[in-house]
Amino acid sequence: LDDATVDTNVDVPKTLRDALPDDMEIRTSDNRAIVVTECTGKFNMIGCNQAWENLCGYAESEIIGKDSSVLQNPDTNHDGLRDAVGRLFEGETVKVVTTNRKKDGSRFKCFLTMGPLHDENGKLTHFVAILKDIGKV
């Protein structure tokens, strides 16, 4: 990370309900850009909050069922993301810097914090990612 002034501490949700609350007022007021993916297959996105929509330019209805490759581009840190996914399956919260692409095609440097989500029995159900724009590319 080039800029030591970027706050890399973020509260990572632990359950699906914490990540994407049913209460839309809570969901739209959260300033963390949150997206949730399946933890199997292509890790398709199942939902996001308003802050993620504002950052990435996609409406939630446009991303449901799609994998996160919609955000990827030639500058994406594929090695870092592959390593992060492996560590997520081990139960770790991981942080990666990558370059993402918005719906309009513009790119931004992104500090990504990802974590596993579990149900009430401790079973892994989903992954959560919190994106922070740390500069234009």
N, C-alpha and C. Protein backbone atom coordinates (compact mmCIF):
# COMPACT_ATOMS: atom_id res chain seq x y z
N LEU A 1 0.85 -1.17 0.00
CA LEU A 1 0.00 0.00 0.00
C LEU A 1 0.89 1.23 0.00
N ASP A 2 0.71 2.10 -0.98
CA ASP A 2 1.58 3.26 -1.14
C ASP A 2 1.30 4.37 -0.14
N ASP A 3 0.04 4.56 0.23
CA ASP A 3 -0.34 5.69 1.06
C ASP A 3 -0.63 5.23 2.47
N ALA A 4 0.28 5.54 3.38
CA ALA A 4 0.14 5.10 4.77
C ALA A 4 -1.02 5.79 5.48
N THR A 5 -1.63 6.81 4.85
CA THR A 5 -2.75 7.51 5.49
C THR A 5 -4.08 6.80 5.26
N VAL A 6 -4.12 5.78 4.43
CA VAL A 6 -5.36 5.05 4.18
C VAL A 6 -5.70 4.21 5.41
N ASP A 7 -6.93 4.36 5.91
CA ASP A 7 -7.37 3.58 7.06
C ASP A 7 -7.74 2.18 6.57
N THR A 8 -6.94 1.20 6.98
CA THR A 8 -7.17 -0.17 6.52
C THR A 8 -7.94 -1.00 7.54
N ASN A 9 -8.33 -0.38 8.64
CA ASN A 9 -9.14 -1.09 9.63
C ASN A 9 -10.60 -0.97 9.25
N VAL A 10 -11.25 -2.11 9.16
CA VAL A 10 -12.66 -2.12 8.80
C VAL A 10 -13.35 -3.22 9.59
N ASP A 11 -14.58 -2.94 10.01
CA ASP A 11 -15.37 -3.92 10.73
C ASP A 11 -15.94 -4.90 9.71
N VAL A 12 -15.52 -6.15 9.77
CA VAL A 12 -15.94 -7.16 8.80
C VAL A 12 -17.13 -7.94 9.37
N PRO A 13 -18.25 -7.95 8.65
CA PRO A 13 -19.41 -8.72 9.12
C PRO A 13 -19.06 -10.20 9.27
N LYS A 14 -19.78 -10.88 10.14
CA LYS A 14 -19.53 -12.30 10.40
C LYS A 14 -20.64 -13.20 9.85
N THR A 15 -21.84 -12.62 9.62
CA THR A 15 -22.96 -13.41 9.11
C THR A 15 -23.57 -12.69 7.90
N LEU A 16 -24.34 -13.42 7.12
CA LEU A 16 -25.01 -12.84 5.96
C LEU A 16 -25.94 -11.70 6.39
N ARG A 17 -26.67 -11.89 7.46
CA ARG A 17 -27.59 -10.86 7.95
C ARG A 17 -26.83 -9.59 8.38
N ASP A 18 -25.63 -9.76 8.94
CA ASP A 18 -24.81 -8.59 9.29
C ASP A 18 -24.32 -7.87 8.04
N ALA A 19 -23.96 -8.64 7.02
CA ALA A 19 -23.41 -8.06 5.79
C ALA A 19 -24.49 -7.37 4.96
N LEU A 20 -25.64 -8.01 4.84
CA LEU A 20 -26.75 -7.48 4.04
C LEU A 20 -28.03 -7.53 4.87
N PRO A 21 -28.18 -6.56 5.78
CA PRO A 21 -29.36 -6.57 6.65
C PRO A 21 -30.66 -6.49 5.85
N ASP A 22 -31.70 -7.11 6.38
CA ASP A 22 -33.03 -7.02 5.76
C ASP A 22 -33.56 -5.60 5.83
N ASP A 23 -33.20 -4.87 6.89
CA ASP A 23 -33.66 -3.50 7.08
C ASP A 23 -32.93 -2.59 6.08
N MET A 24 -33.67 -2.14 5.05
CA MET A 24 -33.05 -1.36 3.99
C MET A 24 -32.50 -0.02 4.48
N GLU A 25 -33.05 0.53 5.54
CA GLU A 25 -32.53 1.78 6.06
C GLU A 25 -31.11 1.58 6.59
N ILE A 26 -30.90 0.48 7.31
CA ILE A 26 -29.56 0.16 7.81
C ILE A 26 -28.63 -0.13 6.63
N ARG A 27 -29.14 -0.88 5.68
CA ARG A 27 -28.34 -1.29 4.53
C ARG A 27 -27.88 -0.10 3.68
N THR A 28 -28.76 0.89 3.53
CA THR A 28 -28.41 2.05 2.70
C THR A 28 -27.58 3.08 3.46
N SER A 29 -27.59 3.03 4.78
CA SER A 29 -26.83 4.02 5.55
C SER A 29 -25.40 3.56 5.86
N ASP A 30 -25.08 2.30 5.61
CA ASP A 30 -23.74 1.78 5.87
C ASP A 30 -22.78 2.35 4.82
N ASN A 31 -21.73 3.02 5.27
CA ASN A 31 -20.81 3.63 4.30
C ASN A 31 -19.72 2.68 3.81
N ARG A 32 -19.69 1.45 4.33
CA ARG A 32 -18.76 0.45 3.82
C ARG A 32 -19.34 -0.11 2.51
N ALA A 33 -18.53 -0.19 1.46
CA ALA A 33 -18.98 -0.73 0.17
C ALA A 33 -18.90 -2.25 0.25
N ILE A 34 -20.05 -2.89 0.49
CA ILE A 34 -20.11 -4.33 0.78
C ILE A 34 -20.75 -5.10 -0.36
N VAL A 35 -20.12 -6.22 -0.73
CA VAL A 35 -20.70 -7.17 -1.67
C VAL A 35 -20.52 -8.56 -1.07
N VAL A 36 -21.50 -9.43 -1.29
CA VAL A 36 -21.47 -10.79 -0.76
C VAL A 36 -21.50 -11.76 -1.93
N THR A 37 -20.66 -12.80 -1.83
CA THR A 37 -20.61 -13.82 -2.88
C THR A 37 -20.90 -15.19 -2.29
N GLU A 38 -21.27 -16.10 -3.19
CA GLU A 38 -21.36 -17.51 -2.81
C GLU A 38 -19.95 -17.98 -2.44
N CYS A 39 -19.86 -19.07 -1.72
CA CYS A 39 -18.54 -19.61 -1.36
C CYS A 39 -18.23 -20.87 -2.16
N THR A 40 -18.95 -21.07 -3.26
CA THR A 40 -18.73 -22.23 -4.12
C THR A 40 -18.74 -21.78 -5.57
N GLY A 41 -18.33 -22.67 -6.45
CA GLY A 41 -18.40 -22.41 -7.89
C GLY A 41 -17.58 -21.21 -8.30
N LYS A 42 -18.22 -20.29 -8.99
CA LYS A 42 -17.53 -19.10 -9.49
C LYS A 42 -17.64 -17.92 -8.52
N PHE A 43 -18.11 -18.18 -7.31
CA PHE A 43 -18.26 -17.13 -6.30
C PHE A 43 -19.17 -16.02 -6.82
N ASN A 44 -20.32 -16.41 -7.36
CA ASN A 44 -21.27 -15.43 -7.88
C ASN A 44 -21.76 -14.51 -6.77
N MET A 45 -21.98 -13.26 -7.13
CA MET A 45 -22.45 -12.27 -6.19
C MET A 45 -23.93 -12.49 -5.91
N ILE A 46 -24.30 -12.34 -4.64
CA ILE A 46 -25.71 -12.52 -4.26
C ILE A 46 -26.35 -11.22 -3.79
N GLY A 47 -25.54 -10.19 -3.56
CA GLY A 47 -26.10 -8.92 -3.11
C GLY A 47 -25.01 -7.93 -2.75
N CYS A 48 -25.43 -6.68 -2.64
CA CYS A 48 -24.50 -5.61 -2.26
C CYS A 48 -25.31 -4.51 -1.56
N ASN A 49 -24.62 -3.54 -1.04
CA ASN A 49 -25.31 -2.42 -0.42
C ASN A 49 -25.18 -1.17 -1.29
N GLN A 50 -25.82 -0.09 -0.85
CA GLN A 50 -25.84 1.15 -1.61
C GLN A 50 -24.44 1.73 -1.80
N ALA A 51 -23.58 1.64 -0.79
CA ALA A 51 -22.23 2.18 -0.91
C ALA A 51 -21.45 1.45 -2.00
N TRP A 52 -21.64 0.13 -2.13
CA TRP A 52 -20.98 -0.64 -3.20
C TRP A 52 -21.53 -0.21 -4.55
N GLU A 53 -22.85 -0.05 -4.65
CA GLU A 53 -23.46 0.42 -5.90
C GLU A 53 -22.87 1.77 -6.30
N ASN A 54 -22.76 2.68 -5.33
CA ASN A 54 -22.22 4.02 -5.61
C ASN A 54 -20.77 3.95 -6.07
N LEU A 55 -19.98 3.10 -5.46
CA LEU A 55 -18.56 2.98 -5.81
C LEU A 55 -18.37 2.33 -7.18
N CYS A 56 -19.07 1.24 -7.44
CA CYS A 56 -18.81 0.43 -8.63
C CYS A 56 -19.71 0.78 -9.82
N GLY A 57 -20.83 1.45 -9.56
CA GLY A 57 -21.70 1.87 -10.64
C GLY A 57 -22.75 0.87 -11.08
N TYR A 58 -22.76 -0.29 -10.48
CA TYR A 58 -23.76 -1.32 -10.80
C TYR A 58 -24.87 -1.30 -9.77
N ALA A 59 -26.11 -1.49 -10.22
CA ALA A 59 -27.22 -1.70 -9.30
C ALA A 59 -27.16 -3.15 -8.82
N GLU A 60 -27.66 -3.39 -7.63
CA GLU A 60 -27.66 -4.75 -7.09
C GLU A 60 -28.32 -5.73 -8.07
N SER A 61 -29.40 -5.31 -8.69
CA SER A 61 -30.11 -6.19 -9.62
C SER A 61 -29.25 -6.60 -10.82
N GLU A 62 -28.25 -5.80 -11.15
CA GLU A 62 -27.37 -6.11 -12.29
C GLU A 62 -26.28 -7.12 -11.96
N ILE A 63 -25.96 -7.28 -10.68
CA ILE A 63 -24.82 -8.14 -10.32
C ILE A 63 -25.22 -9.48 -9.72
N ILE A 64 -26.44 -9.62 -9.30
CA ILE A 64 -26.87 -10.87 -8.69
C ILE A 64 -26.70 -12.01 -9.69
N GLY A 65 -26.00 -13.05 -9.27
CA GLY A 65 -25.76 -14.20 -10.12
C GLY A 65 -24.54 -14.08 -11.02
N LYS A 66 -23.87 -12.93 -10.98
CA LYS A 66 -22.66 -12.74 -11.80
C LYS A 66 -21.43 -12.89 -10.91
N ASP A 67 -20.31 -13.31 -11.51
CA ASP A 67 -19.09 -13.38 -10.70
C ASP A 67 -18.38 -12.03 -10.73
N SER A 68 -17.40 -11.88 -9.87
CA SER A 68 -16.76 -10.58 -9.71
C SER A 68 -15.85 -10.19 -10.87
N SER A 69 -15.79 -11.03 -11.90
CA SER A 69 -14.96 -10.66 -13.06
C SER A 69 -15.49 -9.40 -13.74
N VAL A 70 -16.73 -9.00 -13.47
CA VAL A 70 -17.23 -7.75 -14.04
C VAL A 70 -16.40 -6.56 -13.57
N LEU A 71 -15.70 -6.73 -12.44
CA LEU A 71 -14.86 -5.65 -11.91
C LEU A 71 -13.40 -5.78 -12.33
N GLN A 72 -13.06 -6.88 -12.95
CA GLN A 72 -11.65 -7.13 -13.25
C GLN A 72 -11.23 -6.51 -14.58
N ASN A 73 -9.93 -6.32 -14.72
CA ASN A 73 -9.33 -5.70 -15.89
C ASN A 73 -7.88 -6.19 -15.97
N PRO A 74 -7.12 -5.79 -16.97
CA PRO A 74 -5.74 -6.28 -17.08
C PRO A 74 -4.84 -5.96 -15.87
N ASP A 75 -5.20 -4.94 -15.09
CA ASP A 75 -4.39 -4.56 -13.93
C ASP A 75 -4.84 -5.22 -12.63
N THR A 76 -5.84 -6.07 -12.70
CA THR A 76 -6.31 -6.75 -11.50
C THR A 76 -5.22 -7.65 -10.93
N ASN A 77 -5.10 -7.67 -9.63
CA ASN A 77 -4.10 -8.47 -8.92
C ASN A 77 -4.63 -9.91 -8.78
N HIS A 78 -4.58 -10.66 -9.89
CA HIS A 78 -5.14 -12.02 -9.89
C HIS A 78 -4.42 -12.95 -8.91
N ASP A 79 -3.11 -12.85 -8.81
CA ASP A 79 -2.36 -13.70 -7.88
C ASP A 79 -2.77 -13.41 -6.44
N GLY A 80 -2.88 -12.15 -6.10
CA GLY A 80 -3.29 -11.77 -4.75
C GLY A 80 -4.70 -12.24 -4.43
N LEU A 81 -5.60 -12.16 -5.41
CA LEU A 81 -6.97 -12.60 -5.18
C LEU A 81 -7.06 -14.12 -5.04
N ARG A 82 -6.30 -14.85 -5.86
CA ARG A 82 -6.28 -16.33 -5.73
C ARG A 82 -5.79 -16.74 -4.35
N ASP A 83 -4.72 -16.11 -3.90
CA ASP A 83 -4.18 -16.40 -2.56
C ASP A 83 -5.22 -16.07 -1.49
N ALA A 84 -5.91 -14.96 -1.66
CA ALA A 84 -6.90 -14.53 -0.68
C ALA A 84 -8.03 -15.55 -0.58
N VAL A 85 -8.51 -16.07 -1.70
CA VAL A 85 -9.60 -17.04 -1.67
C VAL A 85 -9.19 -18.29 -0.90
N GLY A 86 -7.97 -18.75 -1.13
CA GLY A 86 -7.49 -19.91 -0.37
C GLY A 86 -7.49 -19.65 1.12
N ARG A 87 -7.09 -18.46 1.51
CA ARG A 87 -7.05 -18.12 2.93
C ARG A 87 -8.45 -17.93 3.51
N LEU A 88 -9.40 -17.47 2.68
CA LEU A 88 -10.78 -17.35 3.15
C LEU A 88 -11.34 -18.71 3.54
N PHE A 89 -11.03 -19.73 2.75
CA PHE A 89 -11.51 -21.08 3.06
C PHE A 89 -10.89 -21.60 4.35
N GLU A 90 -9.76 -21.03 4.77
CA GLU A 90 -9.14 -21.41 6.03
C GLU A 90 -9.69 -20.59 7.19
N GLY A 91 -10.67 -19.72 6.90
CA GLY A 91 -11.32 -18.94 7.95
C GLY A 91 -10.69 -17.60 8.22
N GLU A 92 -9.72 -17.21 7.43
CA GLU A 92 -9.03 -15.94 7.66
C GLU A 92 -9.78 -14.76 7.05
N THR A 93 -9.58 -13.59 7.64
CA THR A 93 -9.95 -12.32 7.01
C THR A 93 -8.71 -11.85 6.28
N VAL A 94 -8.85 -11.48 5.02
CA VAL A 94 -7.69 -11.14 4.19
C VAL A 94 -7.84 -9.75 3.60
N LYS A 95 -6.70 -9.15 3.30
CA LYS A 95 -6.65 -7.81 2.71
C LYS A 95 -5.78 -7.86 1.47
N VAL A 96 -6.28 -7.26 0.39
CA VAL A 96 -5.58 -7.26 -0.89
C VAL A 96 -5.75 -5.89 -1.54
N VAL A 97 -4.69 -5.42 -2.18
CA VAL A 97 -4.80 -4.22 -3.01
C VAL A 97 -4.87 -4.68 -4.46
N THR A 98 -5.85 -4.17 -5.18
CA THR A 98 -6.02 -4.54 -6.58
C THR A 98 -6.55 -3.34 -7.35
N THR A 99 -6.73 -3.52 -8.63
CA THR A 99 -7.34 -2.50 -9.47
C THR A 99 -8.66 -3.05 -9.98
N ASN A 100 -9.73 -2.31 -9.75
CA ASN A 100 -11.05 -2.71 -10.20
C ASN A 100 -11.54 -1.78 -11.30
N ARG A 101 -12.53 -2.26 -12.03
CA ARG A 101 -13.15 -1.48 -13.10
C ARG A 101 -14.60 -1.22 -12.72
N LYS A 102 -15.01 0.04 -12.87
CA LYS A 102 -16.41 0.40 -12.62
C LYS A 102 -17.24 0.10 -13.86
N LYS A 103 -18.54 0.18 -13.71
CA LYS A 103 -19.46 -0.07 -14.83
C LYS A 103 -19.15 0.85 -16.01
N ASP A 104 -18.77 2.09 -15.73
CA ASP A 104 -18.49 3.04 -16.81
C ASP A 104 -17.13 2.82 -17.47
N GLY A 105 -16.39 1.80 -17.01
CA GLY A 105 -15.10 1.47 -17.59
C GLY A 105 -13.91 2.11 -16.91
N SER A 106 -14.15 3.11 -16.07
CA SER A 106 -13.03 3.74 -15.36
C SER A 106 -12.48 2.76 -14.33
N ARG A 107 -11.21 2.91 -14.02
CA ARG A 107 -10.56 2.00 -13.08
C ARG A 107 -10.17 2.75 -11.81
N PHE A 108 -10.09 1.99 -10.71
CA PHE A 108 -9.67 2.59 -9.45
C PHE A 108 -8.87 1.57 -8.65
N LYS A 109 -7.91 2.09 -7.90
CA LYS A 109 -7.13 1.26 -6.99
C LYS A 109 -8.02 0.97 -5.79
N CYS A 110 -8.06 -0.29 -5.40
CA CYS A 110 -9.02 -0.75 -4.40
C CYS A 110 -8.31 -1.51 -3.28
N PHE A 111 -8.58 -1.10 -2.05
CA PHE A 111 -8.16 -1.88 -0.88
C PHE A 111 -9.34 -2.76 -0.53
N LEU A 112 -9.15 -4.06 -0.63
CA LEU A 112 -10.21 -5.04 -0.49
C LEU A 112 -10.00 -5.81 0.81
N THR A 113 -11.00 -5.82 1.67
CA THR A 113 -10.98 -6.63 2.88
C THR A 113 -12.05 -7.70 2.70
N MET A 114 -11.66 -8.96 2.81
CA MET A 114 -12.60 -10.06 2.60
C MET A 114 -12.63 -10.97 3.81
N GLY A 115 -13.80 -11.54 4.05
CA GLY A 115 -13.92 -12.46 5.17
C GLY A 115 -14.98 -13.51 4.90
N PRO A 116 -14.90 -14.62 5.63
CA PRO A 116 -15.92 -15.66 5.51
C PRO A 116 -17.16 -15.28 6.33
N LEU A 117 -18.33 -15.71 5.85
CA LEU A 117 -19.57 -15.55 6.60
C LEU A 117 -20.05 -16.94 7.01
N HIS A 118 -20.55 -17.04 8.23
CA HIS A 118 -20.99 -18.33 8.76
C HIS A 118 -22.43 -18.24 9.24
N ASP A 119 -23.11 -19.39 9.26
CA ASP A 119 -24.46 -19.44 9.83
C ASP A 119 -24.36 -19.62 11.34
N GLU A 120 -25.53 -19.77 11.98
CA GLU A 120 -25.55 -19.88 13.45
C GLU A 120 -24.87 -21.15 13.96
N ASN A 121 -24.66 -22.14 13.09
CA ASN A 121 -23.97 -23.37 13.48
C ASN A 121 -22.48 -23.34 13.16
N GLY A 122 -22.00 -22.21 12.66
CA GLY A 122 -20.57 -22.07 12.35
C GLY A 122 -20.20 -22.57 10.97
N LYS A 123 -21.20 -22.94 10.15
CA LYS A 123 -20.93 -23.44 8.80
C LYS A 123 -20.67 -22.26 7.86
N LEU A 124 -19.63 -22.38 7.04
CA LEU A 124 -19.33 -21.38 6.03
C LEU A 124 -20.48 -21.30 5.04
N THR A 125 -21.01 -20.08 4.81
CA THR A 125 -22.14 -19.91 3.89
C THR A 125 -21.81 -19.01 2.70
N HIS A 126 -21.02 -17.97 2.92
CA HIS A 126 -20.73 -16.97 1.89
C HIS A 126 -19.39 -16.31 2.20
N PHE A 127 -18.96 -15.46 1.27
CA PHE A 127 -17.83 -14.57 1.51
C PHE A 127 -18.33 -13.14 1.40
N VAL A 128 -17.72 -12.25 2.17
CA VAL A 128 -18.04 -10.84 2.11
C VAL A 128 -16.78 -10.09 1.69
N ALA A 129 -16.96 -9.05 0.89
CA ALA A 129 -15.85 -8.18 0.51
C ALA A 129 -16.27 -6.73 0.78
N ILE A 130 -15.35 -6.00 1.35
CA ILE A 130 -15.56 -4.57 1.59
C ILE A 130 -14.50 -3.84 0.77
N LEU A 131 -14.95 -3.00 -0.14
CA LEU A 131 -14.06 -2.29 -1.04
C LEU A 131 -13.86 -0.87 -0.58
N LYS A 132 -12.62 -0.40 -0.70
CA LYS A 132 -12.31 0.99 -0.38
C LYS A 132 -11.52 1.57 -1.54
N ASP A 133 -12.03 2.62 -2.12
CA ASP A 133 -11.35 3.30 -3.22
C ASP A 133 -10.15 4.04 -2.64
N ILE A 134 -8.95 3.69 -3.10
CA ILE A 134 -7.75 4.35 -2.58
C ILE A 134 -7.03 5.14 -3.67
N GLY A 135 -7.73 5.41 -4.78
CA GLY A 135 -7.16 6.28 -5.79
C GLY A 135 -7.44 5.85 -7.21
N LYS A 136 -7.33 6.81 -8.09
CA LYS A 136 -7.53 6.56 -9.52
C LYS A 136 -6.29 5.91 -10.09
N VAL A 137 -6.49 5.18 -11.17
CA VAL A 137 -5.38 4.49 -11.84
C VAL A 137 -4.98 5.32 -13.04
